[in-house]
mmCIF file of all heavy atoms, coordinates in Angstrom:
data_MODEL
# 
_entry.id   MODEL 
# 
loop_
_atom_site.group_PDB 
_atom_site.id 
_atom_site.type_symbol 
_atom_site.label_atom_id 
_atom_site.label_alt_id 
_atom_site.label_comp_id 
_atom_site.label_asym_id 
_atom_site.label_entity_id 
_atom_site.label_seq_id 
_atom_site.pdbx_PDB_ins_code 
_atom_site.Cartn_x 
_atom_site.Cartn_y 
_atom_site.Cartn_z 
_atom_site.occupancy 
_atom_site.B_iso_or_equiv 
_atom_site.pdbx_formal_charge 
_atom_site.auth_seq_id 
_atom_site.auth_comp_id 
_atom_site.auth_asym_id 
_atom_site.auth_atom_id 
_atom_site.pdbx_PDB_model_num 
ATOM 1   N N   . HIS A 1 1  ? 6.020  -4.826  9.899   1.00 0.00 ? 1  HIS A N   1 
ATOM 2   C CA  . HIS A 1 1  ? 5.167  -4.857  8.693   1.00 0.00 ? 1  HIS A CA  1 
ATOM 3   C C   . HIS A 1 1  ? 6.007  -4.732  7.424   1.00 0.00 ? 1  HIS A C   1 
ATOM 4   O O   . HIS A 1 1  ? 5.672  -5.333  6.433   1.00 0.00 ? 1  HIS A O   1 
ATOM 5   C CB  . HIS A 1 1  ? 4.036  -3.794  8.791   1.00 0.00 ? 1  HIS A CB  1 
ATOM 6   C CG  . HIS A 1 1  ? 2.957  -4.190  9.732   1.00 0.00 ? 1  HIS A CG  1 
ATOM 7   N ND1 . HIS A 1 1  ? 1.836  -4.870  9.334   1.00 0.00 ? 1  HIS A ND1 1 
ATOM 8   C CD2 . HIS A 1 1  ? 2.851  -4.015  11.064  1.00 0.00 ? 1  HIS A CD2 1 
ATOM 9   C CE1 . HIS A 1 1  ? 1.057  -5.089  10.378  1.00 0.00 ? 1  HIS A CE1 1 
ATOM 10  N NE2 . HIS A 1 1  ? 1.618  -4.532  11.441  1.00 0.00 ? 1  HIS A NE2 1 
ATOM 11  N N   . ASN A 1 2  ? 7.048  -3.896  7.517   1.00 0.00 ? 2  ASN A N   1 
ATOM 12  C CA  . ASN A 1 2  ? 7.875  -3.712  6.326   1.00 0.00 ? 2  ASN A CA  1 
ATOM 13  C C   . ASN A 1 2  ? 8.538  -5.046  5.917   1.00 0.00 ? 2  ASN A C   1 
ATOM 14  O O   . ASN A 1 2  ? 8.765  -5.263  4.721   1.00 0.00 ? 2  ASN A O   1 
ATOM 15  C CB  . ASN A 1 2  ? 8.911  -2.644  6.563   1.00 0.00 ? 2  ASN A CB  1 
ATOM 16  C CG  . ASN A 1 2  ? 8.351  -1.261  6.474   1.00 0.00 ? 2  ASN A CG  1 
ATOM 17  O OD1 . ASN A 1 2  ? 7.301  -1.015  5.836   1.00 0.00 ? 2  ASN A OD1 1 
ATOM 18  N ND2 . ASN A 1 2  ? 9.000  -0.276  7.042   1.00 0.00 ? 2  ASN A ND2 1 
ATOM 19  N N   . ILE A 1 3  ? 8.945  -5.824  6.925   1.00 0.00 ? 3  ILE A N   1 
ATOM 20  C CA  . ILE A 1 3  ? 9.553  -7.141  6.637   1.00 0.00 ? 3  ILE A CA  1 
ATOM 21  C C   . ILE A 1 3  ? 8.516  -8.033  5.903   1.00 0.00 ? 3  ILE A C   1 
ATOM 22  O O   . ILE A 1 3  ? 8.845  -8.783  4.965   1.00 0.00 ? 3  ILE A O   1 
ATOM 23  C CB  . ILE A 1 3  ? 10.033 -7.840  7.906   1.00 0.00 ? 3  ILE A CB  1 
ATOM 24  C CG1 . ILE A 1 3  ? 11.215 -7.030  8.494   1.00 0.00 ? 3  ILE A CG1 1 
ATOM 25  C CG2 . ILE A 1 3  ? 10.437 -9.261  7.655   1.00 0.00 ? 3  ILE A CG2 1 
ATOM 26  C CD1 . ILE A 1 3  ? 11.559 -7.440  9.925   1.00 0.00 ? 3  ILE A CD1 1 
ATOM 27  N N   . ILE A 1 4  ? 7.262  -7.981  6.322   1.00 0.00 ? 4  ILE A N   1 
ATOM 28  C CA  . ILE A 1 4  ? 6.238  -8.750  5.689   1.00 0.00 ? 4  ILE A CA  1 
ATOM 29  C C   . ILE A 1 4  ? 6.097  -8.295  4.234   1.00 0.00 ? 4  ILE A C   1 
ATOM 30  O O   . ILE A 1 4  ? 6.005  -9.146  3.292   1.00 0.00 ? 4  ILE A O   1 
ATOM 31  C CB  . ILE A 1 4  ? 4.891  -8.668  6.440   1.00 0.00 ? 4  ILE A CB  1 
ATOM 32  C CG1 . ILE A 1 4  ? 5.019  -9.332  7.793   1.00 0.00 ? 4  ILE A CG1 1 
ATOM 33  C CG2 . ILE A 1 4  ? 3.749  -9.305  5.606   1.00 0.00 ? 4  ILE A CG2 1 
ATOM 34  C CD1 . ILE A 1 4  ? 3.783  -9.188  8.686   1.00 0.00 ? 4  ILE A CD1 1 
ATOM 35  N N   . TYR A 1 5  ? 6.007  -6.989  4.024   1.00 0.00 ? 5  TYR A N   1 
ATOM 36  C CA  . TYR A 1 5  ? 5.880  -6.478  2.644   1.00 0.00 ? 5  TYR A CA  1 
ATOM 37  C C   . TYR A 1 5  ? 7.044  -6.990  1.754   1.00 0.00 ? 5  TYR A C   1 
ATOM 38  O O   . TYR A 1 5  ? 6.839  -7.442  0.624   1.00 0.00 ? 5  TYR A O   1 
ATOM 39  C CB  . TYR A 1 5  ? 5.882  -4.973  2.568   1.00 0.00 ? 5  TYR A CB  1 
ATOM 40  C CG  . TYR A 1 5  ? 4.855  -4.280  3.473   1.00 0.00 ? 5  TYR A CG  1 
ATOM 41  C CD1 . TYR A 1 5  ? 5.089  -3.026  3.986   1.00 0.00 ? 5  TYR A CD1 1 
ATOM 42  C CD2 . TYR A 1 5  ? 3.654  -4.927  3.831   1.00 0.00 ? 5  TYR A CD2 1 
ATOM 43  C CE1 . TYR A 1 5  ? 4.153  -2.406  4.832   1.00 0.00 ? 5  TYR A CE1 1 
ATOM 44  C CE2 . TYR A 1 5  ? 2.742  -4.291  4.651   1.00 0.00 ? 5  TYR A CE2 1 
ATOM 45  C CZ  . TYR A 1 5  ? 3.022  -3.046  5.108   1.00 0.00 ? 5  TYR A CZ  1 
ATOM 46  O OH  . TYR A 1 5  ? 2.095  -2.450  5.945   1.00 0.00 ? 5  TYR A OH  1 
ATOM 47  N N   . ALA A 1 6  ? 8.301  -6.845  2.313   1.00 0.00 ? 6  ALA A N   1 
ATOM 48  C CA  . ALA A 1 6  ? 9.457  -7.212  1.523   1.00 0.00 ? 6  ALA A CA  1 
ATOM 49  C C   . ALA A 1 6  ? 9.402  -8.720  1.199   1.00 0.00 ? 6  ALA A C   1 
ATOM 50  O O   . ALA A 1 6  ? 9.878  -9.145  0.175   1.00 0.00 ? 6  ALA A O   1 
ATOM 51  C CB  . ALA A 1 6  ? 10.698 -6.875  2.292   1.00 0.00 ? 6  ALA A CB  1 
ATOM 52  N N   . SER A 1 7  ? 8.907  -9.573  2.205   1.00 0.00 ? 7  SER A N   1 
ATOM 53  C CA  . SER A 1 7  ? 8.880  -11.006 2.015   1.00 0.00 ? 7  SER A CA  1 
ATOM 54  C C   . SER A 1 7  ? 7.984  -11.423 0.896   1.00 0.00 ? 7  SER A C   1 
ATOM 55  O O   . SER A 1 7  ? 8.036  -12.568 0.396   1.00 0.00 ? 7  SER A O   1 
ATOM 56  C CB  . SER A 1 7  ? 8.493  -11.696 3.300   1.00 0.00 ? 7  SER A CB  1 
ATOM 57  O OG  . SER A 1 7  ? 7.126  -11.564 3.574   1.00 0.00 ? 7  SER A OG  1 
ATOM 58  N N   . THR A 1 8  ? 7.011  -10.557 0.474   1.00 0.00 ? 8  THR A N   1 
ATOM 59  C CA  . THR A 1 8  ? 6.082  -10.924 -0.602  1.00 0.00 ? 8  THR A CA  1 
ATOM 60  C C   . THR A 1 8  ? 6.779  -10.993 -1.923  1.00 0.00 ? 8  THR A C   1 
ATOM 61  O O   . THR A 1 8  ? 6.242  -11.617 -2.870  1.00 0.00 ? 8  THR A O   1 
ATOM 62  C CB  . THR A 1 8  ? 4.934  -9.930  -0.702  1.00 0.00 ? 8  THR A CB  1 
ATOM 63  O OG1 . THR A 1 8  ? 5.432  -8.656  -1.217  1.00 0.00 ? 8  THR A OG1 1 
ATOM 64  C CG2 . THR A 1 8  ? 4.257  -9.710  0.653   1.00 0.00 ? 8  THR A CG2 1 
ATOM 65  N N   . GLY A 1 9  ? 7.904  -10.309 -2.070  1.00 0.00 ? 9  GLY A N   1 
ATOM 66  C CA  . GLY A 1 9  ? 8.607  -10.301 -3.364  1.00 0.00 ? 9  GLY A CA  1 
ATOM 67  C C   . GLY A 1 9  ? 7.947  -9.362  -4.358  1.00 0.00 ? 9  GLY A C   1 
ATOM 68  O O   . GLY A 1 9  ? 8.308  -9.321  -5.525  1.00 0.00 ? 9  GLY A O   1 
ATOM 69  N N   . ASN A 1 10 ? 6.878  -8.668  -3.891  1.00 0.00 ? 10 ASN A N   1 
ATOM 70  C CA  . ASN A 1 10 ? 6.107  -7.774  -4.801  1.00 0.00 ? 10 ASN A CA  1 
ATOM 71  C C   . ASN A 1 10 ? 6.542  -6.326  -4.528  1.00 0.00 ? 10 ASN A C   1 
ATOM 72  O O   . ASN A 1 10 ? 6.089  -5.705  -3.542  1.00 0.00 ? 10 ASN A O   1 
ATOM 73  C CB  . ASN A 1 10 ? 4.587  -7.973  -4.564  1.00 0.00 ? 10 ASN A CB  1 
ATOM 74  C CG  . ASN A 1 10 ? 3.748  -7.273  -5.576  1.00 0.00 ? 10 ASN A CG  1 
ATOM 75  O OD1 . ASN A 1 10 ? 4.004  -6.149  -5.921  1.00 0.00 ? 10 ASN A OD1 1 
ATOM 76  N ND2 . ASN A 1 10 ? 2.687  -7.900  -6.014  1.00 0.00 ? 10 ASN A ND2 1 
ATOM 77  N N   . LYS A 1 11 ? 7.431  -5.848  -5.351  1.00 0.00 ? 11 LYS A N   1 
ATOM 78  C CA  . LYS A 1 11 ? 7.939  -4.481  -5.144  1.00 0.00 ? 11 LYS A CA  1 
ATOM 79  C C   . LYS A 1 11 ? 6.882  -3.427  -5.262  1.00 0.00 ? 11 LYS A C   1 
ATOM 80  O O   . LYS A 1 11 ? 6.907  -2.443  -4.545  1.00 0.00 ? 11 LYS A O   1 
ATOM 81  C CB  . LYS A 1 11 ? 9.051  -4.208  -6.181  1.00 0.00 ? 11 LYS A CB  1 
ATOM 82  C CG  . LYS A 1 11 ? 10.300 -5.076  -5.939  1.00 0.00 ? 11 LYS A CG  1 
ATOM 83  C CD  . LYS A 1 11 ? 11.372 -4.718  -6.993  1.00 0.00 ? 11 LYS A CD  1 
ATOM 84  C CE  . LYS A 1 11 ? 12.613 -5.525  -6.802  1.00 0.00 ? 11 LYS A CE  1 
ATOM 85  N NZ  . LYS A 1 11 ? 13.675 -5.209  -7.773  1.00 0.00 ? 11 LYS A NZ  1 
ATOM 86  N N   . ARG A 1 12 ? 5.905  -3.648  -6.117  1.00 0.00 ? 12 ARG A N   1 
ATOM 87  C CA  . ARG A 1 12 ? 4.822  -2.626  -6.329  1.00 0.00 ? 12 ARG A CA  1 
ATOM 88  C C   . ARG A 1 12 ? 4.007  -2.547  -5.054  1.00 0.00 ? 12 ARG A C   1 
ATOM 89  O O   . ARG A 1 12 ? 3.637  -1.440  -4.621  1.00 0.00 ? 12 ARG A O   1 
ATOM 90  C CB  . ARG A 1 12 ? 3.992  -3.049  -7.514  1.00 0.00 ? 12 ARG A CB  1 
ATOM 91  C CG  . ARG A 1 12 ? 2.944  -2.005  -7.845  1.00 0.00 ? 12 ARG A CG  1 
ATOM 92  C CD  . ARG A 1 12 ? 3.540  -0.672  -8.301  1.00 0.00 ? 12 ARG A CD  1 
ATOM 93  N NE  . ARG A 1 12 ? 4.237  -0.818  -9.513  1.00 0.00 ? 12 ARG A NE  1 
ATOM 94  C CZ  . ARG A 1 12 ? 4.942  0.159   -10.131 1.00 0.00 ? 12 ARG A CZ  1 
ATOM 95  N NH1 . ARG A 1 12 ? 4.991  1.297   -9.542  1.00 0.00 ? 12 ARG A NH1 1 
ATOM 96  N NH2 . ARG A 1 12 ? 5.573  -0.032  -11.248 1.00 0.00 ? 12 ARG A NH2 1 
ATOM 97  N N   . LEU A 1 13 ? 3.673  -3.685  -4.456  1.00 0.00 ? 13 LEU A N   1 
ATOM 98  C CA  . LEU A 1 13 ? 2.937  -3.651  -3.199  1.00 0.00 ? 13 LEU A CA  1 
ATOM 99  C C   . LEU A 1 13 ? 3.673  -2.933  -2.145  1.00 0.00 ? 13 LEU A C   1 
ATOM 100 O O   . LEU A 1 13 ? 3.111  -2.111  -1.385  1.00 0.00 ? 13 LEU A O   1 
ATOM 101 C CB  . LEU A 1 13 ? 2.645  -5.102  -2.759  1.00 0.00 ? 13 LEU A CB  1 
ATOM 102 C CG  . LEU A 1 13 ? 1.911  -5.260  -1.430  1.00 0.00 ? 13 LEU A CG  1 
ATOM 103 C CD1 . LEU A 1 13 ? 0.505  -4.623  -1.468  1.00 0.00 ? 13 LEU A CD1 1 
ATOM 104 C CD2 . LEU A 1 13 ? 1.816  -6.745  -1.043  1.00 0.00 ? 13 LEU A CD2 1 
ATOM 105 N N   . TYR A 1 14 ? 4.954  -3.172  -2.004  1.00 0.00 ? 14 TYR A N   1 
ATOM 106 C CA  . TYR A 1 14 ? 5.834  -2.471  -1.011  1.00 0.00 ? 14 TYR A CA  1 
ATOM 107 C C   . TYR A 1 14 ? 5.745  -0.957  -1.269  1.00 0.00 ? 14 TYR A C   1 
ATOM 108 O O   . TYR A 1 14 ? 5.627  -0.176  -0.302  1.00 0.00 ? 14 TYR A O   1 
ATOM 109 C CB  . TYR A 1 14 ? 7.228  -3.018  -1.118  1.00 0.00 ? 14 TYR A CB  1 
ATOM 110 C CG  . TYR A 1 14 ? 8.177  -2.548  -0.041  1.00 0.00 ? 14 TYR A CG  1 
ATOM 111 C CD1 . TYR A 1 14 ? 8.351  -3.276  1.110   1.00 0.00 ? 14 TYR A CD1 1 
ATOM 112 C CD2 . TYR A 1 14 ? 8.877  -1.346  -0.155  1.00 0.00 ? 14 TYR A CD2 1 
ATOM 113 C CE1 . TYR A 1 14 ? 9.196  -2.880  2.119   1.00 0.00 ? 14 TYR A CE1 1 
ATOM 114 C CE2 . TYR A 1 14 ? 9.712  -0.894  0.851   1.00 0.00 ? 14 TYR A CE2 1 
ATOM 115 C CZ  . TYR A 1 14 ? 9.881  -1.670  1.997   1.00 0.00 ? 14 TYR A CZ  1 
ATOM 116 O OH  . TYR A 1 14 ? 10.685 -1.229  2.979   1.00 0.00 ? 14 TYR A OH  1 
ATOM 117 N N   . GLN A 1 15 ? 5.873  -0.580  -2.510  1.00 0.00 ? 15 GLN A N   1 
ATOM 118 C CA  . GLN A 1 15 ? 5.908  0.875   -2.829  1.00 0.00 ? 15 GLN A CA  1 
ATOM 119 C C   . GLN A 1 15 ? 4.542  1.542   -2.472  1.00 0.00 ? 15 GLN A C   1 
ATOM 120 O O   . GLN A 1 15 ? 4.526  2.696   -2.050  1.00 0.00 ? 15 GLN A O   1 
ATOM 121 C CB  . GLN A 1 15 ? 6.201  1.092   -4.320  1.00 0.00 ? 15 GLN A CB  1 
ATOM 122 C CG  . GLN A 1 15 ? 7.644  0.737   -4.701  1.00 0.00 ? 15 GLN A CG  1 
ATOM 123 C CD  . GLN A 1 15 ? 7.840  0.709   -6.195  1.00 0.00 ? 15 GLN A CD  1 
ATOM 124 O OE1 . GLN A 1 15 ? 6.904  0.705   -6.989  1.00 0.00 ? 15 GLN A OE1 1 
ATOM 125 N NE2 . GLN A 1 15 ? 9.075  0.662   -6.612  1.00 0.00 ? 15 GLN A NE2 1 
ATOM 126 N N   . ILE A 1 16 ? 3.459  0.812   -2.676  1.00 0.00 ? 16 ILE A N   1 
ATOM 127 C CA  . ILE A 1 16 ? 2.121  1.325   -2.417  1.00 0.00 ? 16 ILE A CA  1 
ATOM 128 C C   . ILE A 1 16 ? 1.874  1.459   -0.931  1.00 0.00 ? 16 ILE A C   1 
ATOM 129 O O   . ILE A 1 16 ? 1.315  2.404   -0.406  1.00 0.00 ? 16 ILE A O   1 
ATOM 130 C CB  . ILE A 1 16 ? 1.010  0.482   -3.076  1.00 0.00 ? 16 ILE A CB  1 
ATOM 131 C CG1 . ILE A 1 16 ? 1.140  0.599   -4.598  1.00 0.00 ? 16 ILE A CG1 1 
ATOM 132 C CG2 . ILE A 1 16 ? -0.341 0.911   -2.625  1.00 0.00 ? 16 ILE A CG2 1 
ATOM 133 C CD1 . ILE A 1 16 ? 0.245  -0.404  -5.332  1.00 0.00 ? 16 ILE A CD1 1 
ATOM 134 N N   . MET A 1 17 ? 2.279  0.385   -0.173  1.00 0.00 ? 17 MET A N   1 
ATOM 135 C CA  . MET A 1 17 ? 1.972  0.344   1.201   1.00 0.00 ? 17 MET A CA  1 
ATOM 136 C C   . MET A 1 17 ? 2.729  1.321   2.062   1.00 0.00 ? 17 MET A C   1 
ATOM 137 O O   . MET A 1 17 ? 2.196  1.885   3.073   1.00 0.00 ? 17 MET A O   1 
ATOM 138 C CB  . MET A 1 17 ? 2.265  -1.076  1.778   1.00 0.00 ? 17 MET A CB  1 
ATOM 139 C CG  . MET A 1 17 ? 1.254  -2.116  1.378   1.00 0.00 ? 17 MET A CG  1 
ATOM 140 S SD  . MET A 1 17 ? -0.454 -1.710  1.872   1.00 0.00 ? 17 MET A SD  1 
ATOM 141 C CE  . MET A 1 17 ? -0.235 -1.408  3.636   1.00 0.00 ? 17 MET A CE  1 
ATOM 142 N N   . SER A 1 18 ? 3.966  1.603   1.765   1.00 0.00 ? 18 SER A N   1 
ATOM 143 C CA  . SER A 1 18 ? 4.801  2.494   2.599   1.00 0.00 ? 18 SER A CA  1 
ATOM 144 C C   . SER A 1 18 ? 4.147  3.868   2.823   1.00 0.00 ? 18 SER A C   1 
ATOM 145 O O   . SER A 1 18 ? 4.015  4.340   3.998   1.00 0.00 ? 18 SER A O   1 
ATOM 146 C CB  . SER A 1 18 ? 6.189  2.654   2.013   1.00 0.00 ? 18 SER A CB  1 
ATOM 147 O OG  . SER A 1 18 ? 6.875  1.369   2.107   1.00 0.00 ? 18 SER A OG  1 
ATOM 148 N N   . PRO A 1 19 ? 3.756  4.598   1.762   1.00 0.00 ? 19 PRO A N   1 
ATOM 149 C CA  . PRO A 1 19 ? 3.123  5.917   2.044   1.00 0.00 ? 19 PRO A CA  1 
ATOM 150 C C   . PRO A 1 19 ? 1.781  5.808   2.733   1.00 0.00 ? 19 PRO A C   1 
ATOM 151 O O   . PRO A 1 19 ? 1.422  6.721   3.487   1.00 0.00 ? 19 PRO A O   1 
ATOM 152 C CB  . PRO A 1 19 ? 2.957  6.502   0.613   1.00 0.00 ? 19 PRO A CB  1 
ATOM 153 C CG  . PRO A 1 19 ? 3.026  5.345   -0.282  1.00 0.00 ? 19 PRO A CG  1 
ATOM 154 C CD  . PRO A 1 19 ? 3.947  4.373   0.325   1.00 0.00 ? 19 PRO A CD  1 
ATOM 155 N N   . LEU A 1 20 ? 1.050  4.751   2.514   1.00 0.00 ? 20 LEU A N   1 
ATOM 156 C CA  . LEU A 1 20 ? -0.245 4.584   3.200   1.00 0.00 ? 20 LEU A CA  1 
ATOM 157 C C   . LEU A 1 20 ? -0.021 4.486   4.732   1.00 0.00 ? 20 LEU A C   1 
ATOM 158 O O   . LEU A 1 20 ? -0.762 5.103   5.503   1.00 0.00 ? 20 LEU A O   1 
ATOM 159 C CB  . LEU A 1 20 ? -0.970 3.322   2.722   1.00 0.00 ? 20 LEU A CB  1 
ATOM 160 C CG  . LEU A 1 20 ? -1.601 3.412   1.329   1.00 0.00 ? 20 LEU A CG  1 
ATOM 161 C CD1 . LEU A 1 20 ? -2.132 2.070   0.940   1.00 0.00 ? 20 LEU A CD1 1 
ATOM 162 C CD2 . LEU A 1 20 ? -2.625 4.501   1.245   1.00 0.00 ? 20 LEU A CD2 1 
ATOM 163 N N   . ARG A 1 21 ? 0.962  3.719   5.120   1.00 0.00 ? 21 ARG A N   1 
ATOM 164 C CA  . ARG A 1 21 ? 1.258  3.559   6.585   1.00 0.00 ? 21 ARG A CA  1 
ATOM 165 C C   . ARG A 1 21 ? 1.807  4.887   7.132   1.00 0.00 ? 21 ARG A C   1 
ATOM 166 O O   . ARG A 1 21 ? 1.495  5.232   8.253   1.00 0.00 ? 21 ARG A O   1 
ATOM 167 C CB  . ARG A 1 21 ? 2.308  2.422   6.759   1.00 0.00 ? 21 ARG A CB  1 
ATOM 168 C CG  . ARG A 1 21 ? 1.706  1.070   6.575   1.00 0.00 ? 21 ARG A CG  1 
ATOM 169 C CD  . ARG A 1 21 ? 2.723  -0.015  6.786   1.00 0.00 ? 21 ARG A CD  1 
ATOM 170 N NE  . ARG A 1 21 ? 3.312  0.020   8.125   1.00 0.00 ? 21 ARG A NE  1 
ATOM 171 C CZ  . ARG A 1 21 ? 2.662  -0.448  9.238   1.00 0.00 ? 21 ARG A CZ  1 
ATOM 172 N NH1 . ARG A 1 21 ? 1.474  -1.024  9.135   1.00 0.00 ? 21 ARG A NH1 1 
ATOM 173 N NH2 . ARG A 1 21 ? 3.249  -0.326  10.439  1.00 0.00 ? 21 ARG A NH2 1 
ATOM 174 N N   . GLU A 1 22 ? 2.610  5.598   6.339   1.00 0.00 ? 22 GLU A N   1 
ATOM 175 C CA  . GLU A 1 22 ? 3.163  6.817   6.816   1.00 0.00 ? 22 GLU A CA  1 
ATOM 176 C C   . GLU A 1 22 ? 2.074  7.912   7.045   1.00 0.00 ? 22 GLU A C   1 
ATOM 177 O O   . GLU A 1 22 ? 2.204  8.683   8.011   1.00 0.00 ? 22 GLU A O   1 
ATOM 178 C CB  . GLU A 1 22 ? 4.186  7.368   5.838   1.00 0.00 ? 22 GLU A CB  1 
ATOM 179 C CG  . GLU A 1 22 ? 5.453  6.540   5.847   1.00 0.00 ? 22 GLU A CG  1 
ATOM 180 C CD  . GLU A 1 22 ? 6.424  6.918   4.709   1.00 0.00 ? 22 GLU A CD  1 
ATOM 181 O OE1 . GLU A 1 22 ? 5.979  7.645   3.807   1.00 0.00 ? 22 GLU A OE1 1 
ATOM 182 O OE2 . GLU A 1 22 ? 7.543  6.442   4.765   1.00 0.00 ? 22 GLU A OE2 1 
ATOM 183 N N   . GLN A 1 23 ? 1.045  7.924   6.280   1.00 0.00 ? 23 GLN A N   1 
ATOM 184 C CA  . GLN A 1 23 ? -0.041 8.879   6.440   1.00 0.00 ? 23 GLN A CA  1 
ATOM 185 C C   . GLN A 1 23 ? -0.765 8.666   7.766   1.00 0.00 ? 23 GLN A C   1 
ATOM 186 O O   . GLN A 1 23 ? -1.417 9.556   8.258   1.00 0.00 ? 23 GLN A O   1 
ATOM 187 C CB  . GLN A 1 23 ? -1.007 8.730   5.275   1.00 0.00 ? 23 GLN A CB  1 
ATOM 188 C CG  . GLN A 1 23 ? -0.494 9.284   3.939   1.00 0.00 ? 23 GLN A CG  1 
ATOM 189 C CD  . GLN A 1 23 ? -1.432 9.085   2.824   1.00 0.00 ? 23 GLN A CD  1 
ATOM 190 O OE1 . GLN A 1 23 ? -2.640 9.318   2.966   1.00 0.00 ? 23 GLN A OE1 1 
ATOM 191 N NE2 . GLN A 1 23 ? -0.942 8.642   1.691   1.00 0.00 ? 23 GLN A NE2 1 
ATOM 192 N N   . LEU A 1 24 ? -0.673 7.430   8.302   1.00 0.00 ? 24 LEU A N   1 
ATOM 193 C CA  . LEU A 1 24 ? -1.371 7.116   9.587   1.00 0.00 ? 24 LEU A CA  1 
ATOM 194 C C   . LEU A 1 24 ? -0.416 7.183   10.760  1.00 0.00 ? 24 LEU A C   1 
ATOM 195 O O   . LEU A 1 24 ? -0.755 6.804   11.882  1.00 0.00 ? 24 LEU A O   1 
ATOM 196 C CB  . LEU A 1 24 ? -1.997 5.763   9.495   1.00 0.00 ? 24 LEU A CB  1 
ATOM 197 C CG  . LEU A 1 24 ? -3.138 5.587   8.474   1.00 0.00 ? 24 LEU A CG  1 
ATOM 198 C CD1 . LEU A 1 24 ? -3.515 4.105   8.373   1.00 0.00 ? 24 LEU A CD1 1 
ATOM 199 C CD2 . LEU A 1 24 ? -4.337 6.431   8.846   1.00 0.00 ? 24 LEU A CD2 1 
ATOM 200 N N   . TYR A 1 25 ? 0.875  7.603   10.510  1.00 0.00 ? 25 TYR A N   1 
ATOM 201 C CA  . TYR A 1 25 ? 1.866  7.466   11.564  1.00 0.00 ? 25 TYR A CA  1 
ATOM 202 C C   . TYR A 1 25 ? 1.462  8.119   12.863  1.00 0.00 ? 25 TYR A C   1 
ATOM 203 O O   . TYR A 1 25 ? 1.570  7.529   13.944  1.00 0.00 ? 25 TYR A O   1 
ATOM 204 C CB  . TYR A 1 25 ? 3.234  8.067   11.074  1.00 0.00 ? 25 TYR A CB  1 
ATOM 205 C CG  . TYR A 1 25 ? 4.298  7.940   12.116  1.00 0.00 ? 25 TYR A CG  1 
ATOM 206 C CD1 . TYR A 1 25 ? 5.067  6.804   12.187  1.00 0.00 ? 25 TYR A CD1 1 
ATOM 207 C CD2 . TYR A 1 25 ? 4.549  8.963   13.046  1.00 0.00 ? 25 TYR A CD2 1 
ATOM 208 C CE1 . TYR A 1 25 ? 6.095  6.652   13.155  1.00 0.00 ? 25 TYR A CE1 1 
ATOM 209 C CE2 . TYR A 1 25 ? 5.547  8.814   14.040  1.00 0.00 ? 25 TYR A CE2 1 
ATOM 210 C CZ  . TYR A 1 25 ? 6.318  7.672   14.029  1.00 0.00 ? 25 TYR A CZ  1 
ATOM 211 O OH  . TYR A 1 25 ? 7.255  7.527   14.983  1.00 0.00 ? 25 TYR A OH  1 
# 
């Protein structure tokens, strides 16, 4: 999923998504 986030080219989206996924780890 991190590769997909990075492929979007949207750094803000990547920054938002990472902690959301971690909270569900």
